[in-house]
Protein backbone atom coordinates (compact mmCIF):
# COMPACT_ATOMS: atom_id res chain seq x y z
CA UNK A 1 -1.50 -23.43 -60.88
CA UNK A 2 1.74 -22.93 -58.91
CA UNK A 3 2.76 -26.56 -59.37
CA UNK A 4 2.16 -26.29 -63.13
CA UNK A 5 4.38 -23.20 -63.36
CA UNK A 6 7.02 -24.87 -61.21
CA UNK A 7 6.98 -27.99 -63.43
CA UNK A 8 7.27 -25.87 -66.59
CA UNK A 9 10.18 -23.89 -65.14
CA UNK A 10 12.04 -27.11 -64.30
CA UNK A 11 11.52 -28.50 -67.83
CA UNK A 12 12.85 -25.29 -69.38
CA UNK A 13 15.64 -25.13 -66.77
CA UNK A 14 14.51 -21.66 -65.69
CA UNK A 15 16.11 -21.93 -62.26
CA UNK A 16 15.26 -18.39 -61.24
CA UNK A 17 11.60 -19.16 -61.78
CA UNK A 18 12.00 -22.45 -59.89
CA UNK A 19 13.48 -20.68 -56.86
CA UNK A 20 10.87 -17.94 -57.04
CA UNK A 21 7.97 -20.39 -57.25
CA UNK A 22 9.48 -22.45 -54.43
CA UNK A 23 9.61 -19.41 -52.15
CA UNK A 24 6.06 -18.48 -53.10
CA UNK A 25 4.92 -21.95 -52.03
CA UNK A 26 6.89 -21.82 -48.76
CA UNK A 27 5.66 -18.30 -47.99
CA UNK A 28 2.09 -19.35 -48.66
CA UNK A 29 2.35 -22.32 -46.30
CA UNK A 30 4.04 -20.15 -43.65
CA UNK A 31 1.39 -17.43 -43.86
CA UNK A 32 -1.39 -20.02 -43.65
CA UNK A 33 0.29 -21.56 -40.62
CA UNK A 34 0.72 -18.17 -38.90
CA UNK A 35 -2.90 -17.22 -39.59
CA UNK A 36 -4.10 -20.54 -38.17
CA UNK A 37 -1.86 -20.14 -35.14
CA UNK A 38 -3.08 -16.58 -34.60
CA UNK A 39 -6.70 -17.69 -34.80
CA UNK A 40 -6.04 -20.49 -32.30
CA UNK A 41 -4.26 -18.06 -29.97
CA UNK A 42 -7.15 -15.60 -30.15
CA UNK A 43 -9.64 -18.40 -29.50
CA UNK A 44 -7.55 -19.68 -26.56
CA UNK A 45 -7.33 -16.13 -25.17
CA UNK A 46 -11.09 -15.68 -25.38
CA UNK A 47 -11.67 -19.06 -23.72
CA UNK A 48 -9.19 -18.21 -20.95
CA UNK A 49 -10.94 -14.88 -20.34
CA UNK A 50 -14.29 -16.65 -20.18
CA UNK A 51 -12.91 -19.12 -17.64
CA UNK A 52 -11.28 -16.38 -15.55
CA UNK A 53 -14.54 -14.45 -15.48
CA UNK A 54 -16.28 -17.57 -14.19
CA UNK A 55 -13.50 -18.09 -11.66
CA UNK A 56 -13.84 -14.50 -10.49
CA UNK A 57 -17.60 -14.95 -10.12
CA UNK A 58 -17.05 -18.12 -8.05
CA UNK A 59 -14.56 -16.28 -5.84
CA UNK A 60 -16.98 -13.42 -5.32
CA UNK A 61 -19.69 -15.89 -4.29
CA UNK A 62 -17.69 -16.96 -1.24
CA UNK A 63 -19.59 -15.16 1.48
CA UNK A 64 -18.34 -13.16 4.43
CA UNK A 65 -19.37 -16.09 6.65
CA UNK A 66 -15.93 -17.58 6.05
CA UNK A 67 -14.06 -14.48 7.23
CA UNK A 68 -16.47 -13.82 10.12
CA UNK A 69 -16.09 -17.41 11.31
CA UNK A 70 -12.29 -17.18 11.16
CA UNK A 71 -12.41 -14.08 13.36
CA UNK A 72 -14.85 -15.77 15.74
CA UNK A 73 -12.63 -18.86 16.09
CA UNK A 74 -9.55 -16.71 16.68
CA UNK A 75 -11.41 -14.82 19.41
CA UNK A 76 -12.57 -18.12 20.92
CA UNK A 77 -9.00 -19.39 21.09
CA UNK A 78 -7.88 -16.16 22.80
CA UNK A 79 -10.59 -16.74 25.41
CA UNK A 80 -9.43 -20.33 25.89
CA UNK A 81 -5.90 -19.09 26.52
CA UNK A 82 -7.07 -16.52 29.06
CA UNK A 83 -9.17 -19.24 30.74
CA UNK A 84 -6.04 -21.40 30.93
CA UNK A 85 -4.35 -18.83 33.17
CA UNK A 86 -7.13 -19.39 35.73
CA UNK A 87 -7.47 -23.15 35.40
CA UNK A 88 -3.88 -24.36 35.01
CA UNK A 89 -1.86 -21.70 36.84
CA UNK A 90 -2.10 -20.30 40.35
CA UNK A 91 -3.96 -17.21 39.22
CA UNK A 92 -7.02 -16.64 41.39
CA UNK A 93 -10.46 -15.68 40.16
CA UNK A 94 -13.50 -17.01 38.37
CA UNK A 95 -13.95 -17.72 34.69
CA UNK A 96 -15.78 -14.95 32.89
CA UNK A 97 -19.02 -15.73 31.10
CA UNK A 98 -17.19 -15.40 27.78
CA UNK A 99 -14.39 -17.76 28.86
CA UNK A 100 -16.90 -20.33 30.07
CA UNK A 101 -18.73 -20.25 26.76
CA UNK A 102 -15.43 -20.53 24.88
CA UNK A 103 -14.81 -23.79 26.76
CA UNK A 104 -18.32 -24.97 25.80
CA UNK A 105 -17.41 -24.31 22.13
CA UNK A 106 -13.85 -25.63 22.30
CA UNK A 107 -14.74 -28.80 20.36
CA UNK A 108 -16.24 -26.96 17.36
CA UNK A 109 -13.89 -27.20 14.35
CA UNK A 110 -15.92 -26.70 11.19
CA UNK A 111 -15.55 -24.06 8.49
CA UNK A 112 -17.48 -22.63 5.51
CA UNK A 113 -16.20 -24.01 2.21
CA UNK A 114 -13.78 -22.27 -0.15
CA UNK A 115 -14.75 -24.57 -3.03
CA UNK A 116 -14.57 -22.98 -6.49
CA UNK A 117 -16.78 -24.93 -8.93
CA UNK A 118 -14.95 -23.86 -12.10
CA UNK A 119 -11.61 -25.20 -10.79
CA UNK A 120 -13.26 -28.46 -9.76
CA UNK A 121 -14.73 -28.71 -13.27
CA UNK A 122 -11.41 -28.01 -15.01
CA UNK A 123 -9.56 -30.46 -12.76
CA UNK A 124 -12.08 -33.24 -13.41
CA UNK A 125 -11.91 -32.74 -17.20
CA UNK A 126 -8.13 -32.30 -17.32
CA UNK A 127 -8.44 -28.82 -18.82
CA UNK A 128 -6.48 -26.79 -16.26
CA UNK A 129 -4.05 -25.83 -19.06
CA UNK A 130 -6.77 -23.58 -20.48
CA UNK A 131 -5.61 -21.11 -17.80
CA UNK A 132 -2.27 -19.91 -19.15
CA UNK A 133 -1.46 -16.94 -16.92
CA UNK A 134 1.62 -17.86 -14.86
CA UNK A 135 0.65 -15.79 -11.83
CA UNK A 136 -2.80 -17.37 -11.65
CA UNK A 137 -1.40 -20.87 -12.17
CA UNK A 138 1.07 -20.38 -9.30
CA UNK A 139 -1.71 -19.03 -7.08
CA UNK A 140 -3.95 -21.98 -7.98
CA UNK A 141 -1.19 -24.48 -7.21
CA UNK A 142 -0.55 -22.89 -3.83
CA UNK A 143 -4.26 -22.86 -3.06
CA UNK A 144 -4.63 -26.55 -3.98
CA UNK A 145 -1.70 -27.42 -1.71
CA UNK A 146 -3.10 -25.33 1.12
CA UNK A 147 -6.57 -26.86 0.75
CA UNK A 148 -5.09 -30.38 0.69
CA UNK A 149 -3.17 -29.77 3.90
CA UNK A 150 -6.28 -28.18 5.42
CA UNK A 151 -8.34 -31.29 4.68
CA UNK A 152 -5.73 -33.55 6.29
CA UNK A 153 -5.61 -31.47 9.46
CA UNK A 154 -9.40 -31.15 9.53
CA UNK A 155 -9.80 -34.94 9.43
CA UNK A 156 -7.22 -35.41 12.18
CA UNK A 157 -8.78 -32.75 14.43
CA UNK A 158 -12.30 -34.09 14.04
CA UNK A 159 -11.32 -37.76 14.37
CA UNK A 160 -12.20 -37.57 18.06
CA UNK A 161 -14.53 -34.82 19.27
CA UNK A 162 -14.20 -33.83 22.92
CA UNK A 163 -17.44 -32.03 23.77
CA UNK A 164 -16.54 -30.97 27.31
CA UNK A 165 -20.01 -29.90 28.37
CA UNK A 166 -21.37 -33.37 27.47
CA UNK A 167 -18.39 -35.29 28.87
CA UNK A 168 -18.22 -33.33 32.14
CA UNK A 169 -21.78 -32.27 33.00
CA UNK A 170 -20.88 -31.88 36.69
CA UNK A 171 -18.60 -28.99 35.72
CA UNK A 172 -20.81 -27.16 33.21
CA UNK A 173 -24.48 -26.55 32.58
CA UNK A 174 -26.60 -24.31 30.36
CA UNK A 175 -28.93 -21.64 31.67
CA UNK A 176 -32.36 -21.73 30.06
CA UNK A 177 -33.36 -18.23 28.85
CA UNK A 178 -36.71 -16.53 29.42
CA UNK A 179 -37.36 -16.51 25.66
CA UNK A 180 -36.23 -19.81 24.20
CA UNK A 181 -37.49 -19.18 20.67
CA UNK A 182 -33.94 -18.90 19.29
CA UNK A 183 -32.07 -20.72 22.04
CA UNK A 184 -28.66 -21.94 20.82
CA UNK A 185 -26.93 -23.03 24.04
CA UNK A 186 -23.43 -23.70 22.70
CA UNK A 187 -23.16 -20.33 20.97
CA UNK A 188 -25.45 -17.84 22.72
CA UNK A 189 -23.66 -17.42 26.04
CA UNK A 190 -25.82 -19.83 28.04
CA UNK A 191 -22.96 -21.91 29.46
CA UNK A 192 -22.18 -21.74 33.19
CA UNK A 193 -18.95 -23.12 34.67
CA UNK A 194 -17.80 -24.27 38.10
CA UNK A 195 -14.31 -22.81 38.06
CA UNK A 196 -13.14 -24.29 41.36
CA UNK A 197 -14.28 -27.81 40.41
CA UNK A 198 -12.66 -27.52 36.99
CA UNK A 199 -9.30 -26.69 38.57
CA UNK A 200 -9.40 -29.96 40.51
CA UNK A 201 -10.59 -32.21 37.69
CA UNK A 202 -7.50 -33.58 35.92
CA UNK A 203 -9.33 -35.51 33.14
CA UNK A 204 -11.27 -32.34 32.27
CA UNK A 205 -8.10 -30.23 32.21
CA UNK A 206 -6.33 -32.74 29.99
CA UNK A 207 -9.20 -32.79 27.51
CA UNK A 208 -9.41 -29.00 27.54
CA UNK A 209 -5.67 -28.88 26.76
CA UNK A 210 -6.31 -31.24 23.84
CA UNK A 211 -9.01 -28.92 22.47
CA UNK A 212 -6.78 -25.86 22.90
CA UNK A 213 -3.98 -27.55 20.92
CA UNK A 214 -6.45 -28.53 18.22
CA UNK A 215 -7.68 -24.94 18.02
CA UNK A 216 -4.14 -23.81 17.20
CA UNK A 217 -3.83 -26.25 14.28
CA UNK A 218 -7.37 -25.45 13.17
CA UNK A 219 -6.67 -21.73 12.92
CA UNK A 220 -3.31 -22.12 11.20
CA UNK A 221 -4.00 -24.96 8.76
CA UNK A 222 -7.76 -25.08 8.26
CA UNK A 223 -8.59 -21.37 8.38
CA UNK A 224 -5.59 -19.03 7.98
CA UNK A 225 -3.59 -21.02 5.39
CA UNK A 226 -6.44 -21.54 2.89
CA UNK A 227 -7.71 -18.01 3.53
CA UNK A 228 -4.33 -16.52 2.56
CA UNK A 229 -3.98 -18.66 -0.57
CA UNK A 230 -7.58 -17.87 -1.54
CA UNK A 231 -6.95 -14.13 -1.24
CA UNK A 232 -3.74 -14.47 -3.29
CA UNK A 233 -5.68 -16.27 -6.02
CA UNK A 234 -8.38 -13.60 -5.91
CA UNK A 235 -5.75 -10.89 -6.34
CA UNK A 236 -4.07 -12.71 -9.24
CA UNK A 237 -7.39 -13.06 -11.08
CA UNK A 238 -8.25 -9.42 -10.38
CA UNK A 239 -4.88 -8.34 -11.79
CA UNK A 240 -5.38 -10.31 -15.02
CA UNK A 241 -8.95 -9.10 -15.53
CA UNK A 242 -8.16 -5.51 -14.50
CA UNK A 243 -10.66 -5.63 -11.64
CA UNK A 244 -10.31 -3.17 -8.77
CA UNK A 245 -12.36 -3.51 -5.60
CA UNK A 246 -11.21 -0.24 -4.08
CA UNK A 247 -10.27 -1.95 -0.82
CA UNK A 248 -8.18 -4.95 0.11
CA UNK A 249 -9.89 -8.26 -0.60
CA UNK A 250 -11.28 -9.89 2.49
């Protein structure tokens, strides 16, 4: 219809009608384009919201075990440092029961996962661009970098495990409890140490120093770094979805 009118206007040299019909055509194409773009933007927004809601659910599913374990490992390192004052320096005294058990655990460097299935899915399918929010994208990038560094340090730390109670049985033993139904020697306070003998055993002291150094890298790179980037990502998603937890995110 429009093309027929435009052709007739050209034949009759009605240039006003030609210009008018031309603008009608252009306006029609532009409006159709804008409507299509708007529909695509709405669809992309809905898809992004759906993905962010899944991401938030994945974040919420990370249990308190991660945060409790980080606190436990930090406390264990503090005990190792206090034990060092007795074993490496001239300070007199005996290792406390807690310090002895910290030494028994000094080779333990594992951690509950911070894996987020939706991000793994988007990364594997190349659809990370479906998340358009700049704040969330920056937080995700930082978290990926932190997790990558964490994995490198974790592999290096666990390349050689120095279980001191197994390697130096003459210096440590485990007391068998009256009720052994739930006996967990490494973690339940059963370790007993010969402080005087430990002070004189240079190979033991060197291996303990190795474990203490590893504990520093473990806390900083494997626990604290990913924990901070995870919390930042959680906050960014909360901000976009308008979620309030009332208290600071653990």
